[in-house]
Amino acid sequence: MYLIDMRQSTRQAIGATGVAEILQNARNILSTTRGSVPLDRTFGVRMRFLDRPLPEAMATYAGEVIAELQAREPRLTVEEVSFAAKPADAVDGRLYPVVTISIKDA
């Protein structure tokens, strides 16, 4: 089991392989807004949860995270999606997914 905490920033590892590559791919997917990649407008998470009440936004966002990760990175399985806040951003109502994944055939 691996934890992807989007509150933490990481650097891209050029030439990553194995588990490091899968984790990096998952972070890239989660940090990309759908429509923002010029040559692949379908890449990333849809922002359908914006301006929704918090419980509805969390449920919608979790569904988007699961669907996009499993569609774009078939080597992983999403085990759990939860949300956490950065203390400095709590007033703004920002949601940061904390995703627990497992690697298939690992």
C-alpha atoms as a PDB file:
ATOM      1  CA  MET A   1       0.000   0.000   0.000  1.00  0.00           C
ATOM      2  CA  TYR A   2       1.206   3.456  -0.917  1.00  0.00           C
ATOM      3  CA  LEU A   3      -0.070   6.861   0.143  1.00  0.00           C
ATOM      4  CA  ILE A   4      -0.294   9.798  -2.243  1.00  0.00           C
ATOM      5  CA  ASP A   5      -0.779  12.974  -0.222  1.00  0.00           C
ATOM      6  CA  MET A   6      -1.464  15.950  -2.473  1.00  0.00           C
ATOM      7  CA  ARG A   7      -0.686  18.393   0.354  1.00  0.00           C
ATOM      8  CA  GLN A   8       2.980  17.627  -0.179  1.00  0.00           C
ATOM      9  CA  SER A   9       4.902  18.845  -3.191  1.00  0.00           C
ATOM     10  CA  THR A  10       7.446  16.621  -4.903  1.00  0.00           C
ATOM     11  CA  ARG A  11       9.907  16.949  -7.739  1.00  0.00           C
ATOM     12  CA  GLN A  12       9.646  15.061 -11.005  1.00  0.00           C
ATOM     13  CA  ALA A  13      12.136  12.200 -11.236  1.00  0.00           C
ATOM     14  CA  ILE A  14      13.336  11.957 -14.822  1.00  0.00           C
ATOM     15  CA  GLY A  15      13.610   8.309 -15.814  1.00  0.00           C
ATOM     16  CA  ALA A  16      11.642   6.955 -12.867  1.00  0.00           C
ATOM     17  CA  THR A  17      10.809   3.262 -13.133  1.00  0.00           C
ATOM     18  CA  GLY A  18       8.758   0.693 -11.246  1.00  0.00           C
ATOM     19  CA  VAL A  19       6.795   1.855  -8.227  1.00  0.00           C
ATOM     20  CA  ALA A  20       8.346   5.343  -8.333  1.00  0.00           C
ATOM     21  CA  GLU A  21       7.071   5.777 -11.901  1.00  0.00           C
ATOM     22  CA  ILE A  22       3.542   4.665 -10.983  1.00  0.00           C
ATOM     23  CA  LEU A  23       3.399   6.988  -7.977  1.00  0.00           C
ATOM     24  CA  GLN A  24       4.724   9.873 -10.047  1.00  0.00           C
ATOM     25  CA  ASN A  25       2.171   9.198 -12.797  1.00  0.00           C
ATOM     26  CA  ALA A  26      -0.635   9.169 -10.217  1.00  0.00           C
ATOM     27  CA  ARG A  27       0.515  12.505  -8.760  1.00  0.00           C
ATOM     28  CA  ASN A  28       0.674  14.004 -12.258  1.00  0.00           C
ATOM     29  CA  ILE A  29      -2.873  12.856 -12.979  1.00  0.00           C
ATOM     30  CA  LEU A  30      -4.196  14.235  -9.694  1.00  0.00           C
ATOM     31  CA  SER A  31      -2.456  17.587 -10.075  1.00  0.00           C
ATOM     32  CA  THR A  32      -3.683  18.215 -13.632  1.00  0.00           C
ATOM     33  CA  THR A  33      -6.979  19.902 -14.388  1.00  0.00           C
ATOM     34  CA  ARG A  34      -8.782  18.284 -17.306  1.00  0.00           C
ATOM     35  CA  GLY A  35      -8.587  20.500 -20.370  1.00  0.00           C
ATOM     36  CA  SER A  36      -5.260  22.106 -19.426  1.00  0.00           C
ATOM     37  CA  VAL A  37      -2.988  19.845 -21.514  1.00  0.00           C
ATOM     38  CA  PRO A  38      -3.025  21.212 -25.085  1.00  0.00           C
ATOM     39  CA  LEU A  39      -2.485  17.940 -26.961  1.00  0.00           C
ATOM     40  CA  ASP A  40      -4.618  15.797 -24.636  1.00  0.00           C
ATOM     41  CA  ARG A  41      -7.644  17.715 -23.405  1.00  0.00           C
ATOM     42  CA  THR A  42      -9.049  14.585 -21.742  1.00  0.00           C
ATOM     43  CA  PHE A  43      -6.063  14.155 -19.382  1.00  0.00           C
ATOM     44  CA  GLY A  44      -6.534  15.079 -15.729  1.00  0.00           C
ATOM     45  CA  VAL A  45      -9.310  15.366 -13.198  1.00  0.00           C
ATOM     46  CA  ARG A  46     -12.571  17.082 -14.130  1.00  0.00           C
ATOM     47  CA  MET A  47     -13.468  19.937 -11.801  1.00  0.00           C
ATOM     48  CA  ARG A  48     -17.173  19.098 -11.594  1.00  0.00           C
ATOM     49  CA  PHE A  49     -17.058  19.480  -7.816  1.00  0.00           C
ATOM     50  CA  LEU A  50     -16.264  23.201  -7.774  1.00  0.00           C
ATOM     51  CA  ASP A  51     -18.768  25.444  -5.995  1.00  0.00           C
ATOM     52  CA  ARG A  52     -20.719  22.492  -4.603  1.00  0.00           C
ATOM     53  CA  PRO A  53     -21.598  21.970  -0.936  1.00  0.00           C
ATOM     54  CA  LEU A  54     -18.681  20.296   0.822  1.00  0.00           C
ATOM     55  CA  PRO A  55     -20.172  16.769   1.241  1.00  0.00           C
ATOM     56  CA  GLU A  56     -21.265  16.715  -2.400  1.00  0.00           C
ATOM     57  CA  ALA A  57     -17.925  18.129  -3.563  1.00  0.00           C
ATOM     58  CA  MET A  58     -15.987  15.498  -1.630  1.00  0.00           C
ATOM     59  CA  ALA A  59     -18.072  12.640  -3.051  1.00  0.00           C
ATOM     60  CA  THR A  60     -17.824  13.961  -6.610  1.00  0.00           C
ATOM     61  CA  TYR A  61     -14.091  14.657  -6.314  1.00  0.00           C
ATOM     62  CA  ALA A  62     -13.438  11.177  -4.880  1.00  0.00           C
ATOM     63  CA  GLY A  63     -15.303   9.624  -7.810  1.00  0.00           C
ATOM     64  CA  GLU A  64     -13.281  11.678 -10.292  1.00  0.00           C
ATOM     65  CA  VAL A  65     -10.020  10.674  -8.600  1.00  0.00           C
ATOM     66  CA  ILE A  66     -10.872   6.973  -8.682  1.00  0.00           C
ATOM     67  CA  ALA A  67     -12.137   7.003 -12.274  1.00  0.00           C
ATOM     68  CA  GLU A  68      -9.216   8.973 -13.672  1.00  0.00           C
ATOM     69  CA  LEU A  69      -6.492   7.078 -11.817  1.00  0.00           C
ATOM     70  CA  GLN A  70      -7.825   3.678 -12.789  1.00  0.00           C
ATOM     71  CA  ALA A  71      -8.368   4.740 -16.412  1.00  0.00           C
ATOM     72  CA  ARG A  72      -4.956   6.384 -16.864  1.00  0.00           C
ATOM     73  CA  GLU A  73      -2.748   4.159 -14.703  1.00  0.00           C
ATOM     74  CA  PRO A  74      -3.936   0.534 -14.986  1.00  0.00           C
ATOM     75  CA  ARG A  75      -1.022  -0.751 -12.876  1.00  0.00           C
ATOM     76  CA  LEU A  76      -2.611   0.580  -9.680  1.00  0.00           C
ATOM     77  CA  THR A  77      -5.767   0.011  -7.688  1.00  0.00           C
ATOM     78  CA  VAL A  78      -7.315   2.792  -5.631  1.00  0.00           C
ATOM     79  CA  GLU A  79      -8.011   1.505  -2.129  1.00  0.00           C
ATOM     80  CA  GLU A  80      -9.225   4.686  -0.430  1.00  0.00           C
ATOM     81  CA  VAL A  81      -9.696   8.397  -1.077  1.00  0.00           C
ATOM     82  CA  SER A  82      -9.864  10.822   1.809  1.00  0.00           C
ATOM     83  CA  PHE A  83      -9.331  14.555   2.071  1.00  0.00           C
ATOM     84  CA  ALA A  84      -7.144  16.751   4.220  1.00  0.00           C
ATOM     85  CA  ALA A  85      -6.558  20.461   4.445  1.00  0.00           C
ATOM     86  CA  LYS A  86      -3.402  22.474   4.702  1.00  0.00           C
ATOM     87  CA  PRO A  87      -3.784  24.685   7.768  1.00  0.00           C
ATOM     88  CA  ALA A  88      -2.956  27.792   5.725  1.00  0.00           C
ATOM     89  CA  ASP A  89      -5.571  26.916   3.074  1.00  0.00           C
ATOM     90  CA  ALA A  90      -8.373  25.767   5.385  1.00  0.00           C
ATOM     91  CA  VAL A  91     -10.101  29.150   5.213  1.00  0.00           C
ATOM     92  CA  ASP A  92     -10.244  28.932   1.413  1.00  0.00           C
ATOM     93  CA  GLY A  93     -12.040  25.575   1.518  1.00  0.00           C
ATOM     94  CA  ARG A  94      -9.484  23.779  -0.623  1.00  0.00           C
ATOM     95  CA  LEU A  95      -9.599  20.011  -0.775  1.00  0.00           C
ATOM     96  CA  TYR A  96      -6.428  17.960  -1.009  1.00  0.00           C
ATOM     97  CA  PRO A  97      -6.937  14.276  -1.824  1.00  0.00           C
ATOM     98  CA  VAL A  98      -5.015  11.697   0.162  1.00  0.00           C
ATOM     99  CA  VAL A  99      -5.178   8.522  -1.911  1.00  0.00           C
ATOM    100  CA  THR A 100      -4.203   5.048  -0.764  1.00  0.00           C
ATOM    101  CA  ILE A 101      -3.269   2.787  -3.663  1.00  0.00           C
ATOM    102  CA  SER A 102      -1.904  -0.683  -4.198  1.00  0.00           C
ATOM    103  CA  ILE A 103       0.248  -1.763  -7.116  1.00  0.00           C
ATOM    104  CA  LYS A 104      -1.018  -4.690  -9.180  1.00  0.00           C
ATOM    105  CA  ASP A 105       1.338  -7.684  -9.457  1.00  0.00           C
ATOM    106  CA  ALA A 106       3.765  -6.186  -6.969  1.00  0.00           C
END
